[in-house]
Amino acid sequence: MKNVFLIIVPIILLSSCSNFSKNTKQYISPSQAIEYSAASAPDSYAGVFEMTVKAGNLRERMVFLNSELDYRDQRNLTVVLRPMVVTELTEKYGKDPLSEMLNKNIIVKGEAKRMKIWMFYKTKKLNKYYYQTHVFVNSIDQISIM
Protein backbone atom coordinates (compact mmCIF):
# COMPACT_ATOMS: atom_id res chain seq x y z
CA MET A 1 0.00 0.00 0.00
CA LYS A 2 2.86 2.33 0.88
CA ASN A 3 4.45 1.72 -2.55
CA VAL A 4 1.19 2.58 -4.34
CA PHE A 5 0.98 5.81 -2.34
CA LEU A 6 4.58 6.70 -3.31
CA ILE A 7 3.72 6.23 -6.97
CA ILE A 8 0.28 7.86 -7.09
CA VAL A 9 1.06 11.05 -5.15
CA PRO A 10 3.91 12.20 -7.44
CA ILE A 11 1.74 11.49 -10.50
CA ILE A 12 -1.08 13.61 -9.09
CA LEU A 13 1.29 16.42 -8.18
CA LEU A 14 2.96 16.40 -11.59
CA SER A 15 -0.33 16.37 -13.46
CA SER A 16 -1.59 19.34 -11.45
CA CYS A 17 1.60 21.23 -12.27
CA SER A 18 0.79 21.03 -15.97
CA ASN A 19 -1.81 23.77 -15.39
CA PHE A 20 1.01 26.11 -14.39
CA SER A 21 2.84 26.01 -17.69
CA LYS A 22 5.02 28.86 -18.89
CA ASN A 23 3.27 32.18 -19.24
CA THR A 24 3.41 32.53 -23.02
CA LYS A 25 1.39 35.33 -24.55
CA GLN A 26 -0.84 34.45 -27.42
CA TYR A 27 -0.78 37.12 -30.10
CA ILE A 28 -3.17 37.37 -33.01
CA SER A 29 -1.58 36.90 -36.44
CA PRO A 30 -2.56 39.00 -39.47
CA SER A 31 -4.59 36.13 -40.95
CA GLN A 32 -6.45 35.64 -37.67
CA ALA A 33 -7.06 39.40 -37.35
CA ILE A 34 -8.58 39.47 -40.83
CA GLU A 35 -10.73 36.42 -40.14
CA TYR A 36 -11.94 37.66 -36.73
CA SER A 37 -12.67 41.20 -37.91
CA ALA A 38 -14.60 39.90 -40.93
CA ALA A 39 -16.67 37.71 -38.63
CA SER A 40 -17.26 40.69 -36.32
CA ALA A 41 -18.14 43.16 -39.11
CA PRO A 42 -19.38 45.81 -38.99
CA ASP A 43 -17.97 45.86 -35.45
CA SER A 44 -14.27 45.57 -34.68
CA TYR A 45 -12.32 42.80 -32.96
CA ALA A 46 -10.16 43.77 -29.95
CA GLY A 47 -6.89 42.02 -29.22
CA VAL A 48 -3.11 42.10 -29.23
CA PHE A 49 -1.75 41.65 -32.74
CA GLU A 50 1.72 40.62 -33.91
CA MET A 51 3.11 41.12 -37.39
CA THR A 52 6.25 41.74 -39.39
CA VAL A 53 6.20 45.10 -41.14
CA LYS A 54 6.96 44.27 -44.78
CA ALA A 55 5.96 47.59 -46.34
CA GLY A 56 4.36 50.90 -45.53
CA ASN A 57 3.47 54.38 -46.59
CA LEU A 58 3.14 57.90 -45.25
CA ARG A 59 -0.08 59.69 -46.23
CA GLU A 60 -1.90 62.63 -44.69
CA ARG A 61 0.57 62.71 -41.74
CA MET A 62 -0.33 59.09 -40.90
CA VAL A 63 1.94 56.07 -41.29
CA PHE A 64 0.49 52.86 -42.71
CA LEU A 65 2.41 49.71 -41.74
CA ASN A 66 1.58 46.63 -43.81
CA SER A 67 2.04 42.94 -43.13
CA GLU A 68 2.30 42.26 -46.89
CA LEU A 69 4.30 43.94 -49.66
CA ASP A 70 1.08 44.76 -51.53
CA TYR A 71 -1.36 46.66 -49.32
CA ARG A 72 -4.26 45.43 -51.50
CA ASP A 73 -3.41 41.80 -50.81
CA GLN A 74 -6.36 40.15 -49.05
CA ARG A 75 -3.92 38.71 -46.48
CA ASN A 76 -2.65 42.18 -45.52
CA LEU A 77 -3.14 43.68 -42.07
CA THR A 78 -2.58 47.44 -41.95
CA VAL A 79 -1.57 49.20 -38.74
CA VAL A 80 -2.44 52.90 -39.00
CA LEU A 81 -0.42 55.30 -36.87
CA ARG A 82 -2.28 58.55 -36.19
CA PRO A 83 -0.34 61.85 -36.65
CA MET A 84 0.30 62.38 -32.91
CA VAL A 85 1.70 58.86 -32.59
CA VAL A 86 3.92 59.42 -35.64
CA THR A 87 5.33 62.55 -33.97
CA GLU A 88 5.94 60.78 -30.64
CA LEU A 89 7.58 57.75 -32.26
CA THR A 90 9.79 60.01 -34.41
CA GLU A 91 10.97 61.78 -31.25
CA LYS A 92 11.51 58.44 -29.48
CA TYR A 93 13.54 56.76 -32.25
CA GLY A 94 15.11 59.79 -33.91
CA LYS A 95 13.69 58.79 -37.28
CA ASP A 96 10.28 58.17 -38.80
CA PRO A 97 8.39 55.09 -37.57
CA LEU A 98 8.25 53.45 -40.99
CA SER A 99 12.05 53.46 -41.29
CA GLU A 100 12.40 52.21 -37.72
CA MET A 101 9.83 49.41 -38.00
CA LEU A 102 10.38 48.15 -41.54
CA ASN A 103 11.29 44.43 -41.53
CA LYS A 104 10.76 44.19 -37.77
CA ASN A 105 8.13 42.41 -35.70
CA ILE A 106 5.70 44.67 -33.89
CA ILE A 107 3.06 44.09 -31.22
CA VAL A 108 -0.07 46.26 -31.36
CA LYS A 109 -2.89 46.48 -28.84
CA GLY A 110 -6.10 47.65 -30.43
CA GLU A 111 -9.10 46.77 -32.51
CA ALA A 112 -8.98 45.23 -35.96
CA LYS A 113 -11.72 46.60 -38.18
CA ARG A 114 -12.75 45.54 -41.67
CA MET A 115 -12.76 48.64 -43.87
CA LYS A 116 -14.36 49.02 -47.30
CA ILE A 117 -11.93 50.84 -49.60
CA TRP A 118 -13.56 52.41 -52.63
CA MET A 119 -11.62 52.67 -55.88
CA PHE A 120 -11.32 55.94 -57.79
CA TYR A 121 -10.38 56.89 -61.30
CA LYS A 122 -8.93 60.38 -61.20
CA THR A 123 -11.52 62.02 -58.91
CA LYS A 124 -14.47 59.81 -59.83
CA LYS A 125 -15.57 57.13 -57.39
CA LEU A 126 -16.02 53.79 -59.14
CA ASN A 127 -18.49 51.08 -58.23
CA LYS A 128 -15.55 48.89 -57.24
CA TYR A 129 -14.11 48.32 -53.80
CA TYR A 130 -12.02 45.92 -51.79
CA TYR A 131 -11.62 45.25 -48.09
CA GLN A 132 -8.68 46.01 -45.85
CA THR A 133 -8.29 45.23 -42.16
CA HIS A 134 -6.96 48.15 -40.13
CA VAL A 135 -5.76 48.52 -36.56
CA PHE A 136 -5.68 52.21 -35.60
CA VAL A 137 -3.00 53.31 -33.14
CA ASN A 138 -4.02 56.40 -31.15
CA SER A 139 -1.38 56.17 -28.42
CA ILE A 140 2.30 55.31 -28.36
CA ASP A 141 1.48 52.83 -25.56
CA GLN A 142 -0.41 50.62 -28.05
CA ILE A 143 2.64 49.66 -30.11
CA SER A 144 6.04 48.13 -29.44
CA ILE A 145 8.90 46.71 -31.48
CA MET A 146 10.00 43.19 -30.63
C-alpha atoms as a PDB file:
ATOM      1  CA  MET A   1       0.000   0.000   0.000  1.00  0.00           C
ATOM      2  CA  LYS A   2       2.864   2.333   0.878  1.00  0.00           C
ATOM      3  CA  ASN A   3       4.446   1.719  -2.554  1.00  0.00           C
ATOM      4  CA  VAL A   4       1.194   2.585  -4.335  1.00  0.00           C
ATOM      5  CA  PHE A   5       0.981   5.810  -2.342  1.00  0.00           C
ATOM      6  CA  LEU A   6       4.577   6.703  -3.308  1.00  0.00           C
ATOM      7  CA  ILE A   7       3.717   6.228  -6.970  1.00  0.00           C
ATOM      8  CA  ILE A   8       0.280   7.861  -7.095  1.00  0.00           C
ATOM      9  CA  VAL A   9       1.058  11.053  -5.146  1.00  0.00           C
ATOM     10  CA  PRO A  10       3.907  12.200  -7.435  1.00  0.00           C
ATOM     11  CA  ILE A  11       1.740  11.490 -10.502  1.00  0.00           C
ATOM     12  CA  ILE A  12      -1.084  13.608  -9.093  1.00  0.00           C
ATOM     13  CA  LEU A  13       1.291  16.419  -8.180  1.00  0.00           C
ATOM     14  CA  LEU A  14       2.964  16.399 -11.587  1.00  0.00           C
ATOM     15  CA  SER A  15      -0.335  16.372 -13.460  1.00  0.00           C
ATOM     16  CA  SER A  16      -1.586  19.339 -11.453  1.00  0.00           C
ATOM     17  CA  CYS A  17       1.600  21.234 -12.265  1.00  0.00           C
ATOM     18  CA  SER A  18       0.789  21.034 -15.966  1.00  0.00           C
ATOM     19  CA  ASN A  19      -1.811  23.769 -15.387  1.00  0.00           C
ATOM     20  CA  PHE A  20       1.006  26.112 -14.394  1.00  0.00           C
ATOM     21  CA  SER A  21       2.837  26.005 -17.693  1.00  0.00           C
ATOM     22  CA  LYS A  22       5.019  28.863 -18.892  1.00  0.00           C
ATOM     23  CA  ASN A  23       3.265  32.184 -19.237  1.00  0.00           C
ATOM     24  CA  THR A  24       3.411  32.535 -23.021  1.00  0.00           C
ATOM     25  CA  LYS A  25       1.390  35.326 -24.547  1.00  0.00           C
ATOM     26  CA  GLN A  26      -0.844  34.452 -27.422  1.00  0.00           C
ATOM     27  CA  TYR A  27      -0.780  37.125 -30.102  1.00  0.00           C
ATOM     28  CA  ILE A  28      -3.172  37.366 -33.008  1.00  0.00           C
ATOM     29  CA  SER A  29      -1.583  36.903 -36.436  1.00  0.00           C
ATOM     30  CA  PRO A  30      -2.560  39.001 -39.466  1.00  0.00           C
ATOM     31  CA  SER A  31      -4.592  36.131 -40.950  1.00  0.00           C
ATOM     32  CA  GLN A  32      -6.449  35.637 -37.666  1.00  0.00           C
ATOM     33  CA  ALA A  33      -7.064  39.396 -37.354  1.00  0.00           C
ATOM     34  CA  ILE A  34      -8.578  39.471 -40.835  1.00  0.00           C
ATOM     35  CA  GLU A  35     -10.732  36.423 -40.139  1.00  0.00           C
ATOM     36  CA  TYR A  36     -11.938  37.659 -36.730  1.00  0.00           C
ATOM     37  CA  SER A  37     -12.665  41.199 -37.915  1.00  0.00           C
ATOM     38  CA  ALA A  38     -14.598  39.901 -40.935  1.00  0.00           C
ATOM     39  CA  ALA A  39     -16.674  37.709 -38.631  1.00  0.00           C
ATOM     40  CA  SER A  40     -17.262  40.695 -36.316  1.00  0.00           C
ATOM     41  CA  ALA A  41     -18.136  43.158 -39.110  1.00  0.00           C
ATOM     42  CA  PRO A  42     -19.382  45.812 -38.989  1.00  0.00           C
ATOM     43  CA  ASP A  43     -17.969  45.856 -35.447  1.00  0.00           C
ATOM     44  CA  SER A  44     -14.266  45.573 -34.683  1.00  0.00           C
ATOM     45  CA  TYR A  45     -12.319  42.796 -32.959  1.00  0.00           C
ATOM     46  CA  ALA A  46     -10.165  43.765 -29.953  1.00  0.00           C
ATOM     47  CA  GLY A  47      -6.893  42.022 -29.218  1.00  0.00           C
ATOM     48  CA  VAL A  48      -3.114  42.096 -29.233  1.00  0.00           C
ATOM     49  CA  PHE A  49      -1.745  41.646 -32.739  1.00  0.00           C
ATOM     50  CA  GLU A  50       1.720  40.619 -33.913  1.00  0.00           C
ATOM     51  CA  MET A  51       3.109  41.121 -37.392  1.00  0.00           C
ATOM     52  CA  THR A  52       6.249  41.740 -39.387  1.00  0.00           C
ATOM     53  CA  VAL A  53       6.202  45.096 -41.139  1.00  0.00           C
ATOM     54  CA  LYS A  54       6.959  44.268 -44.777  1.00  0.00           C
ATOM     55  CA  ALA A  55       5.955  47.591 -46.336  1.00  0.00           C
ATOM     56  CA  GLY A  56       4.363  50.898 -45.526  1.00  0.00           C
ATOM     57  CA  ASN A  57       3.474  54.384 -46.593  1.00  0.00           C
ATOM     58  CA  LEU A  58       3.138  57.903 -45.247  1.00  0.00           C
ATOM     59  CA  ARG A  59      -0.081  59.687 -46.228  1.00  0.00           C
ATOM     60  CA  GLU A  60      -1.896  62.634 -44.686  1.00  0.00           C
ATOM     61  CA  ARG A  61       0.570  62.706 -41.738  1.00  0.00           C
ATOM     62  CA  MET A  62      -0.325  59.091 -40.900  1.00  0.00           C
ATOM     63  CA  VAL A  63       1.939  56.072 -41.293  1.00  0.00           C
ATOM     64  CA  PHE A  64       0.489  52.858 -42.708  1.00  0.00           C
ATOM     65  CA  LEU A  65       2.410  49.708 -41.741  1.00  0.00           C
ATOM     66  CA  ASN A  66       1.575  46.630 -43.813  1.00  0.00           C
ATOM     67  CA  SER A  67       2.037  42.937 -43.129  1.00  0.00           C
ATOM     68  CA  GLU A  68       2.302  42.259 -46.890  1.00  0.00           C
ATOM     69  CA  LEU A  69       4.302  43.943 -49.656  1.00  0.00           C
ATOM     70  CA  ASP A  70       1.081  44.761 -51.527  1.00  0.00           C
ATOM     71  CA  TYR A  71      -1.365  46.659 -49.317  1.00  0.00           C
ATOM     72  CA  ARG A  72      -4.259  45.431 -51.498  1.00  0.00           C
ATOM     73  CA  ASP A  73      -3.409  41.797 -50.807  1.00  0.00           C
ATOM     74  CA  GLN A  74      -6.364  40.151 -49.053  1.00  0.00           C
ATOM     75  CA  ARG A  75      -3.919  38.707 -46.479  1.00  0.00           C
ATOM     76  CA  ASN A  76      -2.652  42.177 -45.516  1.00  0.00           C
ATOM     77  CA  LEU A  77      -3.142  43.683 -42.069  1.00  0.00           C
ATOM     78  CA  THR A  78      -2.576  47.443 -41.951  1.00  0.00           C
ATOM     79  CA  VAL A  79      -1.566  49.202 -38.743  1.00  0.00           C
ATOM     80  CA  VAL A  80      -2.444  52.898 -39.001  1.00  0.00           C
ATOM     81  CA  LEU A  81      -0.417  55.300 -36.870  1.00  0.00           C
ATOM     82  CA  ARG A  82      -2.279  58.554 -36.186  1.00  0.00           C
ATOM     83  CA  PRO A  83      -0.340  61.848 -36.655  1.00  0.00           C
ATOM     84  CA  MET A  84       0.301  62.380 -32.915  1.00  0.00           C
ATOM     85  CA  VAL A  85       1.696  58.858 -32.590  1.00  0.00           C
ATOM     86  CA  VAL A  86       3.918  59.418 -35.643  1.00  0.00           C
ATOM     87  CA  THR A  87       5.330  62.553 -33.970  1.00  0.00           C
ATOM     88  CA  GLU A  88       5.937  60.785 -30.640  1.00  0.00           C
ATOM     89  CA  LEU A  89       7.584  57.754 -32.262  1.00  0.00           C
ATOM     90  CA  THR A  90       9.794  60.012 -34.410  1.00  0.00           C
ATOM     91  CA  GLU A  91      10.970  61.779 -31.253  1.00  0.00           C
ATOM     92  CA  LYS A  92      11.510  58.443 -29.483  1.00  0.00           C
ATOM     93  CA  TYR A  93      13.541  56.764 -32.250  1.00  0.00           C
ATOM     94  CA  GLY A  94      15.109  59.788 -33.912  1.00  0.00           C
ATOM     95  CA  LYS A  95      13.692  58.786 -37.282  1.00  0.00           C
ATOM     96  CA  ASP A  96      10.282  58.167 -38.805  1.00  0.00           C
ATOM     97  CA  PRO A  97       8.386  55.089 -37.567  1.00  0.00           C
ATOM     98  CA  LEU A  98       8.248  53.447 -40.990  1.00  0.00           C
ATOM     99  CA  SER A  99      12.054  53.458 -41.288  1.00  0.00           C
ATOM    100  CA  GLU A 100      12.400  52.214 -37.718  1.00  0.00           C
ATOM    101  CA  MET A 101       9.832  49.408 -37.997  1.00  0.00           C
ATOM    102  CA  LEU A 102      10.377  48.148 -41.542  1.00  0.00           C
ATOM    103  CA  ASN A 103      11.291  44.429 -41.527  1.00  0.00           C
ATOM    104  CA  LYS A 104      10.761  44.186 -37.772  1.00  0.00           C
ATOM    105  CA  ASN A 105       8.129  42.415 -35.696  1.00  0.00           C
ATOM    106  CA  ILE A 106       5.696  44.672 -33.885  1.00  0.00           C
ATOM    107  CA  ILE A 107       3.062  44.087 -31.224  1.00  0.00           C
ATOM    108  CA  VAL A 108      -0.065  46.255 -31.362  1.00  0.00           C
ATOM    109  CA  LYS A 109      -2.893  46.475 -28.837  1.00  0.00           C
ATOM    110  CA  GLY A 110      -6.096  47.650 -30.427  1.00  0.00           C
ATOM    111  CA  GLU A 111      -9.100  46.773 -32.507  1.00  0.00           C
ATOM    112  CA  ALA A 112      -8.980  45.226 -35.964  1.00  0.00           C
ATOM    113  CA  LYS A 113     -11.723  46.601 -38.178  1.00  0.00           C
ATOM    114  CA  ARG A 114     -12.747  45.538 -41.669  1.00  0.00           C
ATOM    115  CA  MET A 115     -12.759  48.636 -43.873  1.00  0.00           C
ATOM    116  CA  LYS A 116     -14.362  49.022 -47.297  1.00  0.00           C
ATOM    117  CA  ILE A 117     -11.932  50.840 -49.602  1.00  0.00           C
ATOM    118  CA  TRP A 118     -13.563  52.414 -52.626  1.00  0.00           C
ATOM    119  CA  MET A 119     -11.623  52.669 -55.877  1.00  0.00           C
ATOM    120  CA  PHE A 120     -11.318  55.942 -57.789  1.00  0.00           C
ATOM    121  CA  TYR A 121     -10.384  56.892 -61.302  1.00  0.00           C
ATOM    122  CA  LYS A 122      -8.925  60.383 -61.197  1.00  0.00           C
ATOM    123  CA  THR A 123     -11.517  62.015 -58.911  1.00  0.00           C
ATOM    124  CA  LYS A 124     -14.472  59.814 -59.830  1.00  0.00           C
ATOM    125  CA  LYS A 125     -15.567  57.132 -57.389  1.00  0.00           C
ATOM    126  CA  LEU A 126     -16.017  53.793 -59.140  1.00  0.00           C
ATOM    127  CA  ASN A 127     -18.492  51.077 -58.232  1.00  0.00           C
ATOM    128  CA  LYS A 128     -15.553  48.892 -57.238  1.00  0.00           C
ATOM    129  CA  TYR A 129     -14.108  48.323 -53.803  1.00  0.00           C
ATOM    130  CA  TYR A 130     -12.021  45.918 -51.792  1.00  0.00           C
ATOM    131  CA  TYR A 131     -11.624  45.254 -48.086  1.00  0.00           C
ATOM    132  CA  GLN A 132      -8.683  46.010 -45.845  1.00  0.00           C
ATOM    133  CA  THR A 133      -8.294  45.230 -42.165  1.00  0.00           C
ATOM    134  CA  HIS A 134      -6.965  48.154 -40.128  1.00  0.00           C
ATOM    135  CA  VAL A 135      -5.756  48.518 -36.560  1.00  0.00           C
ATOM    136  CA  PHE A 136      -5.683  52.206 -35.596  1.00  0.00           C
ATOM    137  CA  VAL A 137      -3.004  53.315 -33.136  1.00  0.00           C
ATOM    138  CA  ASN A 138      -4.024  56.398 -31.154  1.00  0.00           C
ATOM    139  CA  SER A 139      -1.381  56.168 -28.424  1.00  0.00           C
ATOM    140  CA  ILE A 140       2.304  55.312 -28.355  1.00  0.00           C
ATOM    141  CA  ASP A 141       1.484  52.831 -25.564  1.00  0.00           C
ATOM    142  CA  GLN A 142      -0.406  50.620 -28.050  1.00  0.00           C
ATOM    143  CA  ILE A 143       2.645  49.658 -30.105  1.00  0.00           C
ATOM    144  CA  SER A 144       6.041  48.134 -29.437  1.00  0.00           C
ATOM    145  CA  ILE A 145       8.900  46.713 -31.484  1.00  0.00           C
ATOM    146  CA  MET A 146       9.996  43.191 -30.626  1.00  0.00           C
END
